[in-house]
Amino acid sequence: MGVANRWSLAWSIAQSFVREGARVILTYQGDRQKETVEELGAELGAALVAPCDVTQDEELQALARAISARFGELDALVHSIAFANREDLSRPFLETSRSGYLIAQEVSAYSLVAAARAFAPLMKNGGSVITLSYLGAVRVVPNYNVMGVAKAALEACVRYLAAELGAAKIRVNAISAGPVKTASARGIQGFSSMLDHVASRAPFQRNAEPGEIADAAVFLASDLGRGVTGNILFVDAGYQLMGM
C-alpha cells in the first residue's frame, strides 16, 4: 500500500519482494493514481492492482474480500502511506490547524490500525505487517512538524498491534528510513539541506539508499525475521546514533 510512482519507497519494496519470488498486490487511491499504479503493476507482474482508500473502512473490507476470494490468504502487508497538508508542513507546529492535525493522524497513523484489522484475518498461518517511519517520530526535525507527531503515533500503534497480534503469529514492525528523495519528501521545506546534513554526519558518510530499505522490508516479511516484532528498525546509514 503506497506505491504512487517510481520514486516511492513502496515501489522499491515491491521490486525487492518480486525479486525474492513474492506475488504482490498493489493498491491505489482514486482515479488519479489508477493509471500510474496499473502501469507499475504490469511491469512487476502484480497478481492484483486494486483501489483502496485507507480512510474508508468499506474499501478496506472490499479489498480484503477480493484477496480472500482470489488468493485465500495473505502473508505480508506493507503500509507505506502518509499525508499532511502542505501548509501544516510549512508553518510552525504551534500553528497546526485542528483539521490538519486530524487528517495527518488519520491517514498516517490510524490507517495502519484499520488496515491491520481488515487484513489480519487473512494471515491464517501468521504473517508480517510492516510500516514506514522516520527519525522525526522521536526527535524534532525542522519543518517535519505535524508529520513527526503522526509518525510518533504510528510507532506507538506498531507496539500495541504487535502485542495484540502476536498470539496469531503476526509480527508488526516499522522501518525508520533515512531521508530519501521521494515525491512526498519534496513537500518538506529544506529537504535538500536535510540530505546534505545527514550525509555529512552519518557513519557511512552518505544517505540511505532505497534498495537498502527495501531489503530490510524483505527481511521483516520473510521467515528470516520470524523472531522480530514490535521493533523500529533504523535503516539510515547510522545517522540516528549520532549526537554532537
Protein backbone atom coordinates (compact mmCIF):
# COMPACT_ATOMS: atom_id res chain seq x y z
CA MET A 1 0.00 0.00 0.00
CA GLY A 2 1.53 3.31 -1.08
CA VAL A 3 3.14 2.68 -4.46
CA ALA A 4 2.41 6.06 -6.02
CA ASN A 5 5.26 6.34 -8.53
CA ARG A 6 8.76 5.06 -9.28
CA TRP A 7 10.29 7.28 -6.60
CA SER A 8 8.26 5.95 -3.69
CA LEU A 9 9.85 3.65 -1.14
CA ALA A 10 6.89 1.30 -1.58
CA TRP A 11 7.93 0.81 -5.22
CA SER A 12 11.44 -0.20 -4.20
CA ILE A 13 10.00 -2.58 -1.62
CA ALA A 14 7.65 -4.13 -4.17
CA GLN A 15 10.57 -4.66 -6.54
CA SER A 16 12.59 -6.42 -3.84
CA PHE A 17 9.62 -8.62 -2.93
CA VAL A 18 9.18 -9.69 -6.55
CA ARG A 19 12.90 -10.35 -6.87
CA GLU A 20 12.60 -12.81 -3.97
CA GLY A 21 9.65 -14.61 -5.54
CA ALA A 22 6.67 -12.95 -3.89
CA ARG A 23 3.35 -12.37 -5.60
CA VAL A 24 2.40 -8.78 -4.92
CA ILE A 25 -0.83 -6.80 -4.77
CA LEU A 26 -0.68 -3.05 -5.31
CA THR A 27 -3.33 -0.59 -4.17
CA TYR A 28 -4.10 2.93 -5.29
CA GLN A 29 -6.28 5.76 -4.03
CA GLY A 30 -8.74 7.19 -6.52
CA ASP A 31 -8.78 7.50 -10.29
CA ARG A 32 -5.91 9.99 -10.32
CA GLN A 33 -3.44 7.27 -9.29
CA LYS A 34 -5.10 4.37 -11.07
CA GLU A 35 -3.33 4.51 -14.44
CA THR A 36 0.13 5.02 -12.96
CA VAL A 37 -0.19 2.19 -10.45
CA GLU A 38 -1.68 -0.16 -13.05
CA GLU A 39 1.32 0.50 -15.30
CA LEU A 40 3.71 -0.18 -12.43
CA GLY A 41 1.78 -3.30 -11.50
CA ALA A 42 2.03 -4.61 -15.06
CA GLU A 43 5.78 -4.03 -15.00
CA LEU A 44 6.08 -6.01 -11.79
CA GLY A 45 3.70 -8.74 -12.90
CA ALA A 46 1.48 -7.92 -9.93
CA ALA A 47 -1.15 -10.51 -9.08
CA LEU A 48 -3.71 -7.77 -8.46
CA VAL A 49 -3.96 -3.98 -8.66
CA ALA A 50 -6.95 -2.67 -6.72
CA PRO A 51 -8.40 0.57 -5.37
CA CYS A 52 -8.21 1.20 -1.64
CA ASP A 53 -8.74 4.47 0.19
CA VAL A 54 -7.49 3.77 3.71
CA THR A 55 -9.84 6.40 5.17
CA GLN A 56 -12.82 4.31 4.02
CA ASP A 57 -13.46 1.12 6.01
CA GLU A 58 -15.73 -0.23 3.29
CA GLU A 59 -12.90 -0.06 0.73
CA LEU A 60 -10.54 -1.89 3.07
CA GLN A 61 -13.15 -4.60 3.64
CA ALA A 62 -13.88 -4.86 -0.09
CA LEU A 63 -10.19 -5.39 -0.79
CA ALA A 64 -9.94 -7.99 1.97
CA ARG A 65 -12.87 -9.88 0.44
CA ALA A 66 -11.29 -9.73 -3.01
CA ILE A 67 -7.98 -11.08 -1.70
CA SER A 68 -9.74 -13.84 0.23
CA ALA A 69 -11.77 -14.89 -2.79
CA ARG A 70 -8.85 -14.89 -5.20
CA PHE A 71 -5.87 -15.99 -3.09
CA GLY A 72 -7.31 -17.39 0.13
CA GLU A 73 -4.72 -15.83 2.39
CA LEU A 74 -2.12 -13.10 2.78
CA ASP A 75 1.44 -13.39 4.08
CA ALA A 76 2.55 -9.78 4.45
CA LEU A 77 1.23 -6.24 4.43
CA VAL A 78 3.42 -3.24 3.62
CA HIS A 79 1.87 0.04 4.77
CA SER A 80 3.72 2.96 3.20
CA ILE A 81 1.10 5.67 3.48
CA ALA A 82 1.35 9.14 4.99
CA PHE A 83 -0.17 12.54 4.37
CA ALA A 84 -0.17 16.03 5.84
CA ASN A 85 -1.42 19.27 4.40
CA ARG A 86 1.41 21.22 2.77
CA GLU A 87 0.58 24.35 4.74
CA ASP A 88 0.96 22.44 8.01
CA LEU A 89 4.46 21.41 6.97
CA SER A 90 5.47 24.94 6.03
CA ARG A 91 4.45 26.82 9.18
CA PRO A 92 5.40 26.43 12.86
CA PHE A 93 3.99 23.36 14.57
CA LEU A 94 2.24 25.61 17.08
CA GLU A 95 0.10 26.90 14.20
CA THR A 96 -1.04 23.46 13.03
CA SER A 97 -4.74 23.56 12.24
CA ARG A 98 -7.10 21.22 14.04
CA SER A 99 -8.27 19.75 10.73
CA GLY A 100 -4.67 19.39 9.53
CA TYR A 101 -3.67 17.58 12.71
CA LEU A 102 -6.58 15.17 12.44
CA ILE A 103 -6.08 14.30 8.78
CA ALA A 104 -2.35 13.65 9.33
CA GLN A 105 -3.21 11.29 12.17
CA GLU A 106 -5.97 9.51 10.25
CA VAL A 107 -4.01 8.87 7.07
CA SER A 108 -0.51 8.43 8.53
CA ALA A 109 -1.21 6.52 11.76
CA TYR A 110 -4.76 5.26 12.16
CA SER A 111 -4.72 3.76 8.68
CA LEU A 112 -2.25 1.14 9.94
CA VAL A 113 -4.74 0.07 12.59
CA ALA A 114 -7.59 -0.03 10.06
CA ALA A 115 -5.54 -1.99 7.54
CA ALA A 116 -4.32 -4.47 10.15
CA ARG A 117 -7.89 -5.05 11.32
CA ALA A 118 -9.03 -5.71 7.75
CA PHE A 119 -6.19 -7.98 6.65
CA ALA A 120 -5.07 -9.83 9.81
CA PRO A 121 -7.85 -12.44 9.38
CA LEU A 122 -6.28 -13.36 6.02
CA MET A 123 -2.95 -14.18 7.71
CA LYS A 124 -4.16 -17.62 8.65
CA ASN A 125 -0.71 -19.09 9.26
CA GLY A 126 0.80 -15.96 10.74
CA GLY A 127 2.27 -13.07 8.82
CA SER A 128 4.06 -9.76 8.85
CA VAL A 129 2.83 -6.18 8.93
CA ILE A 130 5.42 -3.54 8.05
CA THR A 131 5.10 0.24 8.06
CA LEU A 132 7.46 3.10 7.25
CA SER A 133 8.51 5.68 9.82
CA TYR A 134 11.20 8.33 10.22
CA LEU A 135 13.50 9.77 12.89
CA GLY A 136 11.15 12.74 13.23
CA ALA A 137 8.92 10.45 15.29
CA VAL A 138 11.32 10.55 18.23
CA ARG A 139 13.37 13.72 17.64
CA VAL A 140 12.50 17.19 16.47
CA VAL A 141 13.31 17.61 12.77
CA PRO A 142 12.88 21.14 11.40
CA ASN A 143 9.83 21.50 9.14
CA TYR A 144 8.64 17.94 9.76
CA ASN A 145 6.11 19.31 12.24
CA VAL A 146 2.72 17.56 12.29
CA MET A 147 4.10 14.61 10.34
CA GLY A 148 6.60 13.93 13.12
CA VAL A 149 3.76 13.75 15.63
CA ALA A 150 1.81 11.44 13.31
CA LYS A 151 4.85 9.17 12.93
CA ALA A 152 5.20 9.04 16.72
CA ALA A 153 1.61 7.83 16.91
CA LEU A 154 2.33 5.33 14.13
CA GLU A 155 5.24 3.84 16.08
CA ALA A 156 3.04 3.52 19.18
CA CYS A 157 0.46 1.74 17.01
CA VAL A 158 3.18 -0.71 15.94
CA ARG A 159 3.85 -1.67 19.56
CA TYR A 160 0.21 -2.10 20.53
CA LEU A 161 -0.64 -4.06 17.39
CA ALA A 162 2.41 -6.28 17.88
CA ALA A 163 1.26 -7.09 21.42
CA GLU A 164 -2.28 -7.96 20.35
CA LEU A 165 -1.49 -9.85 17.13
CA GLY A 166 1.40 -11.89 18.48
CA ALA A 167 -0.88 -14.73 19.57
CA ALA A 168 -1.92 -15.10 15.91
CA LYS A 169 1.77 -15.29 14.92
CA ILE A 170 1.50 -11.95 13.15
CA ARG A 171 4.55 -9.73 13.53
CA VAL A 172 4.26 -5.93 13.36
CA ASN A 173 7.32 -3.75 12.78
CA ALA A 174 8.35 -0.40 11.37
CA ILE A 175 11.35 0.64 9.32
CA SER A 176 12.61 4.08 10.27
CA ALA A 177 14.14 5.08 6.96
CA GLY A 178 16.68 7.80 6.47
CA PRO A 179 15.70 10.68 4.20
CA VAL A 180 15.32 9.58 0.58
CA LYS A 181 14.43 11.64 -2.48
CA THR A 182 10.78 10.72 -2.93
CA ALA A 183 7.93 12.78 -4.38
CA SER A 184 6.37 13.21 -0.93
CA ALA A 185 9.67 14.30 0.63
CA ARG A 186 9.75 17.29 -1.70
CA GLY A 187 6.87 18.72 0.33
CA ILE A 188 9.23 19.23 3.29
CA GLN A 189 10.85 22.65 3.28
CA GLY A 190 14.64 22.48 3.14
CA PHE A 191 14.73 18.78 2.29
CA SER A 192 17.88 19.09 0.16
CA SER A 193 19.70 20.61 3.14
CA MET A 194 18.48 17.70 5.26
CA LEU A 195 20.04 15.23 2.80
CA ASP A 196 23.34 17.11 2.89
CA HIS A 197 23.33 17.26 6.69
CA VAL A 198 22.72 13.53 7.10
CA ALA A 199 25.34 12.59 4.50
CA SER A 200 27.94 14.70 6.28
CA ARG A 201 27.28 13.22 9.74
CA ALA A 202 26.13 9.63 9.28
CA PRO A 203 28.74 6.94 9.98
CA PHE A 204 28.53 5.78 6.35
CA GLN A 205 29.06 9.38 5.17
CA ARG A 206 26.08 9.10 2.86
CA ASN A 207 22.31 8.82 2.85
CA ALA A 208 20.38 5.57 2.95
CA GLU A 209 19.52 4.04 -0.41
CA PRO A 210 16.01 2.87 -1.37
CA GLY A 211 17.27 -0.65 -2.05
CA GLU A 212 18.63 -0.94 1.49
CA ILE A 213 15.26 -0.01 2.95
CA ALA A 214 13.51 -2.40 0.57
CA ASP A 215 15.77 -5.31 1.52
CA ALA A 216 15.13 -4.63 5.20
CA ALA A 217 11.41 -4.98 4.45
CA VAL A 218 12.09 -8.32 2.74
CA PHE A 219 13.86 -9.49 5.90
CA LEU A 220 10.97 -8.43 8.14
CA ALA A 221 8.39 -10.04 5.85
CA SER A 222 10.25 -13.33 5.48
CA ASP A 223 10.90 -16.18 7.88
CA LEU A 224 14.35 -14.67 8.45
CA GLY A 225 12.61 -12.09 10.65
CA ARG A 226 10.37 -14.59 12.42
CA GLY A 227 11.63 -13.60 15.89
CA VAL A 228 11.20 -9.84 15.43
CA THR A 229 8.07 -7.93 16.38
CA GLY A 230 7.21 -4.55 17.84
CA ASN A 231 10.51 -3.12 16.64
CA ILE A 232 11.53 0.09 14.90
CA LEU A 233 14.39 -0.89 12.59
CA PHE A 234 16.56 2.07 11.60
CA VAL A 235 17.87 1.94 8.03
CA ASP A 236 19.51 5.35 7.78
CA ALA A 237 23.25 4.85 7.22
CA GLY A 238 23.62 5.04 11.01
CA TYR A 239 22.60 8.69 11.39
CA GLN A 240 20.23 8.04 14.32
CA LEU A 241 23.03 7.00 16.67
CA MET A 242 24.95 10.27 16.39
CA GLY A 243 24.97 13.01 18.99
CA MET A 244 27.01 16.17 18.52
